[in-house]
Amino acid sequence: MNIYIAGPMTGLKDFNFPAFFAAEAQFNELGHTCFNPAQMDIDADGVDRTGMNGDEHVPNIKEIARRDVDAVFECDMVYMLKGWERSNGALAEHRLAVWLGLDITYQ
């Protein structure tokens, strides 16, 4: 099963990367393929935001949003990390998952 991990990043210590990586590890252990936006950020621009305060400017937000939406289309399920309701990106990903009829699971 392909799983997209959605949750808050902006405004959180380390951009919440540890929560994304922990969820990915759990699903990978069960044999699933994960689309982890934290890892996709690192792969795209080479910047690991671990160690940042979460308020730093992210200059390529349109590219990130397009990439994340495209990833949701590749998935069977979306996993919502705690606090997703306070994230514009995660709210959009959630609404897209609802629209597409994907399974949604909450942390």
PDB file of N, CA and C in Angstrom:
ATOM      1  N   MET A   1       0.852  -1.182   0.000  1.00  0.00           N
ATOM      2  CA  MET A   1       0.000   0.000   0.000  1.00  0.00           C
ATOM      3  C   MET A   1       0.892   1.237   0.000  1.00  0.00           C
ATOM      4  N   ASN A   2       0.517   2.220  -0.783  1.00  0.00           N
ATOM      5  CA  ASN A   2       1.214   3.510  -0.812  1.00  0.00           C
ATOM      6  C   ASN A   2       0.541   4.451   0.182  1.00  0.00           C
ATOM      7  N   ILE A   3       1.342   5.003   1.078  1.00  0.00           N
ATOM      8  CA  ILE A   3       0.813   5.861   2.136  1.00  0.00           C
ATOM      9  C   ILE A   3       1.486   7.223   2.081  1.00  0.00           C
ATOM     10  N   TYR A   4       0.670   8.271   2.091  1.00  0.00           N
ATOM     11  CA  TYR A   4       1.165   9.642   2.165  1.00  0.00           C
ATOM     12  C   TYR A   4       1.056  10.107   3.614  1.00  0.00           C
ATOM     13  N   ILE A   5       2.130  10.672   4.135  1.00  0.00           N
ATOM     14  CA  ILE A   5       2.145  11.175   5.507  1.00  0.00           C
ATOM     15  C   ILE A   5       1.905  12.684   5.461  1.00  0.00           C
ATOM     16  N   ALA A   6       0.854  13.140   6.132  1.00  0.00           N
ATOM     17  CA  ALA A   6       0.501  14.561   6.135  1.00  0.00           C
ATOM     18  C   ALA A   6       0.528  15.077   7.565  1.00  0.00           C
ATOM     19  N   GLY A   7       0.980  16.304   7.722  1.00  0.00           N
ATOM     20  CA  GLY A   7       0.985  16.880   9.057  1.00  0.00           C
ATOM     21  C   GLY A   7       1.602  18.257   9.061  1.00  0.00           C
ATOM     22  N   PRO A   8       1.614  18.873  10.228  1.00  0.00           N
ATOM     23  CA  PRO A   8       2.153  20.223  10.347  1.00  0.00           C
ATOM     24  C   PRO A   8       3.675  20.227  10.277  1.00  0.00           C
ATOM     25  N   MET A   9       4.222  21.276   9.671  1.00  0.00           N
ATOM     26  CA  MET A   9       5.670  21.488   9.617  1.00  0.00           C
ATOM     27  C   MET A   9       6.016  22.895  10.085  1.00  0.00           C
ATOM     28  N   THR A  10       5.456  23.879   9.414  1.00  0.00           N
ATOM     29  CA  THR A  10       5.786  25.272   9.677  1.00  0.00           C
ATOM     30  C   THR A  10       5.447  25.642  11.121  1.00  0.00           C
ATOM     31  N   GLY A  11       6.380  26.312  11.755  1.00  0.00           N
ATOM     32  CA  GLY A  11       6.187  26.769  13.123  1.00  0.00           C
ATOM     33  C   GLY A  11       6.549  25.753  14.184  1.00  0.00           C
ATOM     34  N   LEU A  12       6.934  24.555  13.766  1.00  0.00           N
ATOM     35  CA  LEU A  12       7.306  23.522  14.726  1.00  0.00           C
ATOM     36  C   LEU A  12       8.812  23.285  14.685  1.00  0.00           C
ATOM     37  N   LYS A  13       9.375  22.996  15.868  1.00  0.00           N
ATOM     38  CA  LYS A  13      10.807  22.694  15.963  1.00  0.00           C
ATOM     39  C   LYS A  13      11.146  21.586  14.964  1.00  0.00           C
ATOM     40  N   ASP A  14      12.262  21.743  14.296  1.00  0.00           N
ATOM     41  CA  ASP A  14      12.735  20.769  13.302  1.00  0.00           C
ATOM     42  C   ASP A  14      11.765  20.605  12.133  1.00  0.00           C
ATOM     43  N   PHE A  15      10.852  21.555  11.973  1.00  0.00           N
ATOM     44  CA  PHE A  15       9.799  21.452  10.961  1.00  0.00           C
ATOM     45  C   PHE A  15       9.030  20.133  11.100  1.00  0.00           C
ATOM     46  N   ASN A  16       9.049  19.572  12.313  1.00  0.00           N
ATOM     47  CA  ASN A  16       8.341  18.336  12.638  1.00  0.00           C
ATOM     48  C   ASN A  16       8.888  17.122  11.876  1.00  0.00           C
ATOM     49  N   PHE A  17      10.081  17.231  11.325  1.00  0.00           N
ATOM     50  CA  PHE A  17      10.663  16.128  10.570  1.00  0.00           C
ATOM     51  C   PHE A  17      10.719  14.829  11.377  1.00  0.00           C
ATOM     52  N   PRO A  18      11.085  14.855  12.674  1.00  0.00           N
ATOM     53  CA  PRO A  18      11.152  13.589  13.409  1.00  0.00           C
ATOM     54  C   PRO A  18       9.829  12.813  13.406  1.00  0.00           C
ATOM     55  N   ALA A  19       8.702  13.502  13.489  1.00  0.00           N
ATOM     56  CA  ALA A  19       7.399  12.819  13.463  1.00  0.00           C
ATOM     57  C   ALA A  19       7.149  12.164  12.109  1.00  0.00           C
ATOM     58  N   PHE A  20       7.533  12.854  11.036  1.00  0.00           N
ATOM     59  CA  PHE A  20       7.363  12.286   9.693  1.00  0.00           C
ATOM     60  C   PHE A  20       8.231  11.039   9.521  1.00  0.00           C
ATOM     61  N   PHE A  21       9.487  11.109   9.981  1.00  0.00           N
ATOM     62  CA  PHE A  21      10.388   9.971   9.839  1.00  0.00           C
ATOM     63  C   PHE A  21       9.961   8.796  10.717  1.00  0.00           C
ATOM     64  N   ALA A  22       9.433   9.069  11.897  1.00  0.00           N
ATOM     65  CA  ALA A  22       8.955   7.995  12.772  1.00  0.00           C
ATOM     66  C   ALA A  22       7.765   7.271  12.139  1.00  0.00           C
ATOM     67  N   ALA A  23       6.829   8.030  11.578  1.00  0.00           N
ATOM     68  CA  ALA A  23       5.674   7.415  10.911  1.00  0.00           C
ATOM     69  C   ALA A  23       6.131   6.591   9.711  1.00  0.00           C
ATOM     70  N   GLU A  24       7.049   7.142   8.942  1.00  0.00           N
ATOM     71  CA  GLU A  24       7.556   6.412   7.775  1.00  0.00           C
ATOM     72  C   GLU A  24       8.192   5.090   8.205  1.00  0.00           C
ATOM     73  N   ALA A  25       8.980   5.111   9.261  1.00  0.00           N
ATOM     74  CA  ALA A  25       9.642   3.891   9.734  1.00  0.00           C
ATOM     75  C   ALA A  25       8.617   2.832  10.140  1.00  0.00           C
ATOM     76  N   GLN A  26       7.559   3.252  10.811  1.00  0.00           N
ATOM     77  CA  GLN A  26       6.523   2.301  11.236  1.00  0.00           C
ATOM     78  C   GLN A  26       5.847   1.657  10.032  1.00  0.00           C
ATOM     79  N   PHE A  27       5.492   2.466   9.038  1.00  0.00           N
ATOM     80  CA  PHE A  27       4.804   1.922   7.864  1.00  0.00           C
ATOM     81  C   PHE A  27       5.742   1.085   6.999  1.00  0.00           C
ATOM     82  N   ASN A  28       6.983   1.499   6.878  1.00  0.00           N
ATOM     83  CA  ASN A  28       7.947   0.708   6.113  1.00  0.00           C
ATOM     84  C   ASN A  28       8.155  -0.662   6.750  1.00  0.00           C
ATOM     85  N   GLU A  29       8.167  -0.693   8.068  1.00  0.00           N
ATOM     86  CA  GLU A  29       8.337  -1.956   8.791  1.00  0.00           C
ATOM     87  C   GLU A  29       7.196  -2.923   8.482  1.00  0.00           C
ATOM     88  N   LEU A  30       6.034  -2.374   8.179  1.00  0.00           N
ATOM     89  CA  LEU A  30       4.869  -3.194   7.835  1.00  0.00           C
ATOM     90  C   LEU A  30       4.818  -3.526   6.346  1.00  0.00           C
ATOM     91  N   GLY A  31       5.822  -3.056   5.599  1.00  0.00           N
ATOM     92  CA  GLY A  31       5.908  -3.382   4.180  1.00  0.00           C
ATOM     93  C   GLY A  31       5.248  -2.391   3.237  1.00  0.00           C
ATOM     94  N   HIS A  32       4.858  -1.233   3.757  1.00  0.00           N
ATOM     95  CA  HIS A  32       4.214  -0.226   2.918  1.00  0.00           C
ATOM     96  C   HIS A  32       5.248   0.707   2.299  1.00  0.00           C
ATOM     97  N   THR A  33       4.854   1.368   1.237  1.00  0.00           N
ATOM     98  CA  THR A  33       5.671   2.405   0.610  1.00  0.00           C
ATOM     99  C   THR A  33       5.150   3.751   1.079  1.00  0.00           C
ATOM    100  N   CYS A  34       6.044   4.599   1.568  1.00  0.00           N
ATOM    101  CA  CYS A  34       5.629   5.891   2.105  1.00  0.00           C
ATOM    102  C   CYS A  34       6.074   7.045   1.220  1.00  0.00           C
ATOM    103  N   PHE A  35       5.222   8.021   1.139  1.00  0.00           N
ATOM    104  CA  PHE A  35       5.549   9.309   0.558  1.00  0.00           C
ATOM    105  C   PHE A  35       5.666  10.259   1.739  1.00  0.00           C
ATOM    106  N   ASN A  36       6.893  10.569   2.106  1.00  0.00           N
ATOM    107  CA  ASN A  36       7.202  11.363   3.284  1.00  0.00           C
ATOM    108  C   ASN A  36       7.649  12.749   2.830  1.00  0.00           C
ATOM    109  N   PRO A  37       6.828  13.791   3.029  1.00  0.00           N
ATOM    110  CA  PRO A  37       7.195  15.132   2.589  1.00  0.00           C
ATOM    111  C   PRO A  37       8.509  15.636   3.171  1.00  0.00           C
ATOM    112  N   ALA A  38       8.861  15.227   4.378  1.00  0.00           N
ATOM    113  CA  ALA A  38      10.143  15.649   4.960  1.00  0.00           C
ATOM    114  C   ALA A  38      11.297  15.098   4.125  1.00  0.00           C
ATOM    115  N   GLN A  39      11.225  13.810   3.791  1.00  0.00           N
ATOM    116  CA  GLN A  39      12.271  13.222   2.961  1.00  0.00           C
ATOM    117  C   GLN A  39      12.238  13.799   1.550  1.00  0.00           C
ATOM    118  N   MET A  40      11.044  14.058   1.042  1.00  0.00           N
ATOM    119  CA  MET A  40      10.930  14.644  -0.300  1.00  0.00           C
ATOM    120  C   MET A  40      11.546  16.042  -0.327  1.00  0.00           C
ATOM    121  N   ASP A  41      11.420  16.802   0.775  1.00  0.00           N
ATOM    122  CA  ASP A  41      12.064  18.115   0.867  1.00  0.00           C
ATOM    123  C   ASP A  41      13.587  17.967   0.803  1.00  0.00           C
ATOM    124  N   ILE A  42      14.106  17.020   1.586  1.00  0.00           N
ATOM    125  CA  ILE A  42      15.555  16.801   1.590  1.00  0.00           C
ATOM    126  C   ILE A  42      16.031  16.384   0.204  1.00  0.00           C
ATOM    127  N   ASP A  43      15.304  15.468  -0.421  1.00  0.00           N
ATOM    128  CA  ASP A  43      15.682  14.997  -1.752  1.00  0.00           C
ATOM    129  C   ASP A  43      15.634  16.117  -2.791  1.00  0.00           C
ATOM    130  N   ALA A  44      14.658  17.015  -2.666  1.00  0.00           N
ATOM    131  CA  ALA A  44      14.466  18.067  -3.674  1.00  0.00           C
ATOM    132  C   ALA A  44      15.488  19.190  -3.560  1.00  0.00           C
ATOM    133  N   ASP A  45      15.756  19.646  -2.331  1.00  0.00           N
ATOM    134  CA  ASP A  45      16.637  20.810  -2.210  1.00  0.00           C
ATOM    135  C   ASP A  45      17.870  20.565  -1.360  1.00  0.00           C
ATOM    136  N   GLY A  46      18.031  19.338  -0.862  1.00  0.00           N
ATOM    137  CA  GLY A  46      19.225  18.995  -0.105  1.00  0.00           C
ATOM    138  C   GLY A  46      19.299  19.617   1.275  1.00  0.00           C
ATOM    139  N   VAL A  47      18.186  20.171   1.760  1.00  0.00           N
ATOM    140  CA  VAL A  47      18.193  20.833   3.060  1.00  0.00           C
ATOM    141  C   VAL A  47      17.419  19.990   4.069  1.00  0.00           C
ATOM    142  N   ASP A  48      18.135  19.530   5.089  1.00  0.00           N
ATOM    143  CA  ASP A  48      17.497  18.836   6.201  1.00  0.00           C
ATOM    144  C   ASP A  48      17.124  19.916   7.210  1.00  0.00           C
ATOM    145  N   ARG A  49      15.845  20.113   7.418  1.00  0.00           N
ATOM    146  CA  ARG A  49      15.383  21.194   8.288  1.00  0.00           C
ATOM    147  C   ARG A  49      15.411  20.818   9.772  1.00  0.00           C
ATOM    148  N   THR A  50      15.918  19.627  10.082  1.00  0.00           N
ATOM    149  CA  THR A  50      16.118  19.261  11.477  1.00  0.00           C
ATOM    150  C   THR A  50      17.108  20.254  12.081  1.00  0.00           C
ATOM    151  N   GLY A  51      16.812  20.749  13.258  1.00  0.00           N
ATOM    152  CA  GLY A  51      17.666  21.742  13.904  1.00  0.00           C
ATOM    153  C   GLY A  51      17.184  23.161  13.681  1.00  0.00           C
ATOM    154  N   MET A  52      16.192  23.339  12.822  1.00  0.00           N
ATOM    155  CA  MET A  52      15.630  24.677  12.597  1.00  0.00           C
ATOM    156  C   MET A  52      14.457  24.882  13.550  1.00  0.00           C
ATOM    157  N   ASN A  53      14.037  26.134  13.703  1.00  0.00           N
ATOM    158  CA  ASN A  53      12.948  26.413  14.639  1.00  0.00           C
ATOM    159  C   ASN A  53      11.567  26.288  14.005  1.00  0.00           C
ATOM    160  N   GLY A  54      11.495  26.143  12.692  1.00  0.00           N
ATOM    161  CA  GLY A  54      10.220  25.966  12.007  1.00  0.00           C
ATOM    162  C   GLY A  54       9.628  27.232  11.447  1.00  0.00           C
ATOM    163  N   ASP A  55      10.261  28.370  11.739  1.00  0.00           N
ATOM    164  CA  ASP A  55       9.748  29.647  11.241  1.00  0.00           C
ATOM    165  C   ASP A  55      10.544  30.186  10.056  1.00  0.00           C
ATOM    166  N   GLU A  56      11.568  29.455   9.654  1.00  0.00           N
ATOM    167  CA  GLU A  56      12.379  29.911   8.523  1.00  0.00           C
ATOM    168  C   GLU A  56      11.544  29.919   7.246  1.00  0.00           C
ATOM    169  N   HIS A  57      11.849  30.851   6.378  1.00  0.00           N
ATOM    170  CA  HIS A  57      11.139  30.988   5.105  1.00  0.00           C
ATOM    171  C   HIS A  57      11.469  29.819   4.187  1.00  0.00           C
ATOM    172  N   VAL A  58      10.451  29.262   3.557  1.00  0.00           N
ATOM    173  CA  VAL A  58      10.637  28.201   2.572  1.00  0.00           C
ATOM    174  C   VAL A  58      10.325  28.822   1.209  1.00  0.00           C
ATOM    175  N   PRO A  59      11.355  29.096   0.406  1.00  0.00           N
ATOM    176  CA  PRO A  59      11.169  29.878  -0.817  1.00  0.00           C
ATOM    177  C   PRO A  59      10.412  29.181  -1.941  1.00  0.00           C
ATOM    178  N   ASN A  60      10.411  27.878  -1.981  1.00  0.00           N
ATOM    179  CA  ASN A  60       9.825  27.165  -3.116  1.00  0.00           C
ATOM    180  C   ASN A  60       8.501  26.500  -2.758  1.00  0.00           C
ATOM    181  N   ILE A  61       7.656  27.190  -2.016  1.00  0.00           N
ATOM    182  CA  ILE A  61       6.424  26.600  -1.498  1.00  0.00           C
ATOM    183  C   ILE A  61       5.493  26.132  -2.617  1.00  0.00           C
ATOM    184  N   LYS A  62       5.439  26.828  -3.744  1.00  0.00           N
ATOM    185  CA  LYS A  62       4.571  26.388  -4.846  1.00  0.00           C
ATOM    186  C   LYS A  62       5.042  25.053  -5.415  1.00  0.00           C
ATOM    187  N   GLU A  63       6.341  24.889  -5.540  1.00  0.00           N
ATOM    188  CA  GLU A  63       6.888  23.617  -6.024  1.00  0.00           C
ATOM    189  C   GLU A  63       6.598  22.500  -5.023  1.00  0.00           C
ATOM    190  N   ILE A  64       6.755  22.802  -3.750  1.00  0.00           N
ATOM    191  CA  ILE A  64       6.496  21.811  -2.709  1.00  0.00           C
ATOM    192  C   ILE A  64       5.023  21.408  -2.716  1.00  0.00           C
ATOM    193  N   ALA A  65       4.130  22.381  -2.812  1.00  0.00           N
ATOM    194  CA  ALA A  65       2.697  22.094  -2.812  1.00  0.00           C
ATOM    195  C   ALA A  65       2.311  21.226  -4.010  1.00  0.00           C
ATOM    196  N   ARG A  66       2.831  21.539  -5.168  1.00  0.00           N
ATOM    197  CA  ARG A  66       2.526  20.751  -6.376  1.00  0.00           C
ATOM    198  C   ARG A  66       3.039  19.321  -6.210  1.00  0.00           C
ATOM    199  N   ARG A  67       4.254  19.188  -5.711  1.00  0.00           N
ATOM    200  CA  ARG A  67       4.850  17.871  -5.508  1.00  0.00           C
ATOM    201  C   ARG A  67       4.043  17.056  -4.509  1.00  0.00           C
ATOM    202  N   ASP A  68       3.631  17.687  -3.413  1.00  0.00           N
ATOM    203  CA  ASP A  68       2.880  16.982  -2.378  1.00  0.00           C
ATOM    204  C   ASP A  68       1.508  16.550  -2.888  1.00  0.00           C
ATOM    205  N   VAL A  69       0.830  17.414  -3.612  1.00  0.00           N
ATOM    206  CA  VAL A  69      -0.476  17.057  -4.173  1.00  0.00           C
ATOM    207  C   VAL A  69      -0.321  15.897  -5.162  1.00  0.00           C
ATOM    208  N   ASP A  70       0.693  15.959  -5.999  1.00  0.00           N
ATOM    209  CA  ASP A  70       0.939  14.857  -6.934  1.00  0.00           C
ATOM    210  C   ASP A  70       1.175  13.550  -6.184  1.00  0.00           C
ATOM    211  N   ALA A  71       1.886  13.607  -5.052  1.00  0.00           N
ATOM    212  CA  ALA A  71       2.154  12.404  -4.264  1.00  0.00           C
ATOM    213  C   ALA A  71       0.872  11.812  -3.695  1.00  0.00           C
ATOM    214  N   VAL A  72      -0.052  12.658  -3.252  1.00  0.00           N
ATOM    215  CA  VAL A  72      -1.322  12.158  -2.719  1.00  0.00           C
ATOM    216  C   VAL A  72      -2.042  11.325  -3.779  1.00  0.00           C
ATOM    217  N   PHE A  73      -1.967  11.760  -5.038  1.00  0.00           N
ATOM    218  CA  PHE A  73      -2.615  11.023  -6.125  1.00  0.00           C
ATOM    219  C   PHE A  73      -2.029   9.619  -6.299  1.00  0.00           C
ATOM    220  N   GLU A  74      -0.803   9.405  -5.859  1.00  0.00           N
ATOM    221  CA  GLU A  74      -0.137   8.109  -6.005  1.00  0.00           C
ATOM    222  C   GLU A  74      -0.449   7.151  -4.851  1.00  0.00           C
ATOM    223  N   CYS A  75      -1.217   7.616  -3.879  1.00  0.00           N
ATOM    224  CA  CYS A  75      -1.393   6.844  -2.651  1.00  0.00           C
ATOM    225  C   CYS A  75      -2.780   6.228  -2.528  1.00  0.00           C
ATOM    226  N   ASP A  76      -2.827   5.206  -1.666  1.00  0.00           N
ATOM    227  CA  ASP A  76      -4.078   4.529  -1.321  1.00  0.00           C
ATOM    228  C   ASP A  76      -4.625   5.044   0.000  1.00  0.00           C
ATOM    229  N   MET A  77      -3.719   5.606   0.814  1.00  0.00           N
ATOM    230  CA  MET A  77      -4.094   6.059   2.150  1.00  0.00           C
ATOM    231  C   MET A  77      -3.288   7.300   2.514  1.00  0.00           C
ATOM    232  N   VAL A  78      -3.893   8.146   3.324  1.00  0.00           N
ATOM    233  CA  VAL A  78      -3.192   9.309   3.877  1.00  0.00           C
ATOM    234  C   VAL A  78      -3.210   9.163   5.394  1.00  0.00           C
ATOM    235  N   TYR A  79      -2.027   9.325   5.980  1.00  0.00           N
ATOM    236  CA  TYR A  79      -1.870   9.241   7.429  1.00  0.00           C
ATOM    237  C   TYR A  79      -1.673  10.647   7.962  1.00  0.00           C
ATOM    238  N   MET A  80      -2.586  11.086   8.821  1.00  0.00           N
ATOM    239  CA  MET A  80      -2.576  12.441   9.352  1.00  0.00           C
ATOM    240  C   MET A  80      -1.887  12.470  10.705  1.00  0.00           C
ATOM    241  N   LEU A  81      -0.758  13.191  10.761  1.00  0.00           N
ATOM    242  CA  LEU A  81      -0.045  13.358  12.031  1.00  0.00           C
ATOM    243  C   LEU A  81      -0.814  14.303  12.952  1.00  0.00           C
ATOM    244  N   LYS A  82      -0.575  14.182  14.249  1.00  0.00           N
ATOM    245  CA  LYS A  82      -1.208  15.079  15.218  1.00  0.00           C
ATOM    246  C   LYS A  82      -0.933  16.528  14.845  1.00  0.00           C
ATOM    247  N   GLY A  83      -1.959  17.347  15.014  1.00  0.00           N
ATOM    248  CA  GLY A  83      -1.833  18.765  14.728  1.00  0.00           C
ATOM    249  C   GLY A  83      -2.125  19.142  13.293  1.00  0.00           C
ATOM    250  N   TRP A  84      -2.501  18.181  12.458  1.00  0.00           N
ATOM    251  CA  TRP A  84      -2.725  18.450  11.038  1.00  0.00           C
ATOM    252  C   TRP A  84      -3.778  19.533  10.815  1.00  0.00           C
ATOM    253  N   GLU A  85      -4.707  19.668  11.761  1.00  0.00           N
ATOM    254  CA  GLU A  85      -5.800  20.631  11.599  1.00  0.00           C
ATOM    255  C   GLU A  85      -5.306  22.073  11.603  1.00  0.00           C
ATOM    256  N   ARG A  86      -4.079  22.295  12.081  1.00  0.00           N
ATOM    257  CA  ARG A  86      -3.526  23.657  12.155  1.00  0.00           C
ATOM    258  C   ARG A  86      -2.570  23.947  10.993  1.00  0.00           C
ATOM    259  N   SER A  87      -2.523  23.071  10.023  1.00  0.00           N
ATOM    260  CA  SER A  87      -1.596  23.219   8.907  1.00  0.00           C
ATOM    261  C   SER A  87      -2.358  23.416   7.611  1.00  0.00           C
ATOM    262  N   ASN A  88      -2.090  24.530   6.929  1.00  0.00           N
ATOM    263  CA  ASN A  88      -2.763  24.769   5.649  1.00  0.00           C
ATOM    264  C   ASN A  88      -2.474  23.654   4.651  1.00  0.00           C
ATOM    265  N   GLY A  89      -1.231  23.209   4.585  1.00  0.00           N
ATOM    266  CA  GLY A  89      -0.873  22.145   3.652  1.00  0.00           C
ATOM    267  C   GLY A  89      -1.568  20.841   3.982  1.00  0.00           C
ATOM    268  N   ALA A  90      -1.544  20.455   5.247  1.00  0.00           N
ATOM    269  CA  ALA A  90      -2.183  19.202   5.649  1.00  0.00           C
ATOM    270  C   ALA A  90      -3.701  19.268   5.479  1.00  0.00           C
ATOM    271  N   LEU A  91      -4.281  20.433   5.727  1.00  0.00           N
ATOM    272  CA  LEU A  91      -5.723  20.595   5.484  1.00  0.00           C
ATOM    273  C   LEU A  91      -6.047  20.363   4.008  1.00  0.00           C
ATOM    274  N   ALA A  92      -5.234  20.917   3.131  1.00  0.00           N
ATOM    275  CA  ALA A  92      -5.451  20.741   1.691  1.00  0.00           C
ATOM    276  C   ALA A  92      -5.277  19.272   1.299  1.00  0.00           C
ATOM    277  N   GLU A  93      -4.248  18.631   1.855  1.00  0.00           N
ATOM    278  CA  GLU A  93      -4.009  17.218   1.549  1.00  0.00           C
ATOM    279  C   GLU A  93      -5.160  16.352   2.060  1.00  0.00           C
ATOM    280  N   HIS A  94      -5.672  16.682   3.219  1.00  0.00           N
ATOM    281  CA  HIS A  94      -6.808  15.961   3.781  1.00  0.00           C
ATOM    282  C   HIS A  94      -8.030  16.110   2.878  1.00  0.00           C
ATOM    283  N   ARG A  95      -8.323  17.335   2.480  1.00  0.00           N
ATOM    284  CA  ARG A  95      -9.490  17.572   1.612  1.00  0.00           C
ATOM    285  C   ARG A  95      -9.340  16.833   0.287  1.00  0.00           C
ATOM    286  N   LEU A  96      -8.129  16.820  -0.266  1.00  0.00           N
ATOM    287  CA  LEU A  96      -7.892  16.096  -1.509  1.00  0.00           C
ATOM    288  C   LEU A  96      -8.125  14.604  -1.297  1.00  0.00           C
ATOM    289  N   ALA A  97      -7.641  14.066  -0.199  1.00  0.00           N
ATOM    290  CA  ALA A  97      -7.832  12.643   0.090  1.00  0.00           C
ATOM    291  C   ALA A  97      -9.317  12.305   0.223  1.00  0.00           C
ATOM    292  N   VAL A  98     -10.074  13.180   0.882  1.00  0.00           N
ATOM    293  CA  VAL A  98     -11.520  12.981   0.996  1.00  0.00           C
ATOM    294  C   VAL A  98     -12.142  12.986  -0.389  1.00  0.00           C
ATOM    295  N   TRP A  99     -11.789  13.963  -1.191  1.00  0.00           N
ATOM    296  CA  TRP A  99     -12.331  14.106  -2.540  1.00  0.00           C
ATOM    297  C   TRP A  99     -12.026  12.868  -3.387  1.00  0.00           C
ATOM    298  N   LEU A 100     -10.820  12.333  -3.249  1.00  0.00           N
ATOM    299  CA  LEU A 100     -10.411  11.172  -4.029  1.00  0.00           C
ATOM    300  C   LEU A 100     -10.914   9.846  -3.453  1.00  0.00           C
ATOM    301  N   GLY A 101     -11.510   9.903  -2.270  1.00  0.00           N
ATOM    302  CA  GLY A 101     -12.042   8.695  -1.646  1.00  0.00           C
ATOM    303  C   GLY A 101     -10.957   7.786  -1.075  1.00  0.00           C
ATOM    304  N   LEU A 102      -9.824   8.363  -0.708  1.00  0.00           N
ATOM    305  CA  LEU A 102      -8.737   7.584  -0.131  1.00  0.00           C
ATOM    306  C   LEU A 102      -9.037   7.247   1.326  1.00  0.00           C
ATOM    307  N   ASP A 103      -8.449   6.163   1.808  1.00  0.00           N
ATOM    308  CA  ASP A 103      -8.523   5.873   3.234  1.00  0.00           C
ATOM    309  C   ASP A 103      -7.720   6.932   3.973  1.00  0.00           C
ATOM    310  N   ILE A 104      -8.208   7.350   5.115  1.00  0.00           N
ATOM    311  CA  ILE A 104      -7.510   8.336   5.943  1.00  0.00           C
ATOM    312  C   ILE A 104      -7.427   7.768   7.350  1.00  0.00           C
ATOM    313  N   THR A 105      -6.210   7.789   7.900  1.00  0.00           N
ATOM    314  CA  THR A 105      -5.971   7.327   9.254  1.00  0.00           C
ATOM    315  C   THR A 105      -5.344   8.470  10.038  1.00  0.00           C
ATOM    316  N   TYR A 106      -5.671   8.551  11.313  1.00  0.00           N
ATOM    317  CA  TYR A 106      -5.225   9.648  12.155  1.00  0.00           C
ATOM    318  C   TYR A 106      -4.310   9.119  13.272  1.00  0.00           C
ATOM    319  N   GLN A 107      -3.257   9.869  13.536  1.00  0.00           N
ATOM    320  CA  GLN A 107      -2.328   9.496  14.601  1.00  0.00           C
ATOM    321  C   GLN A 107      -3.009   9.623  15.958  1.00  0.00           C
TER     322      GLN A 107
END
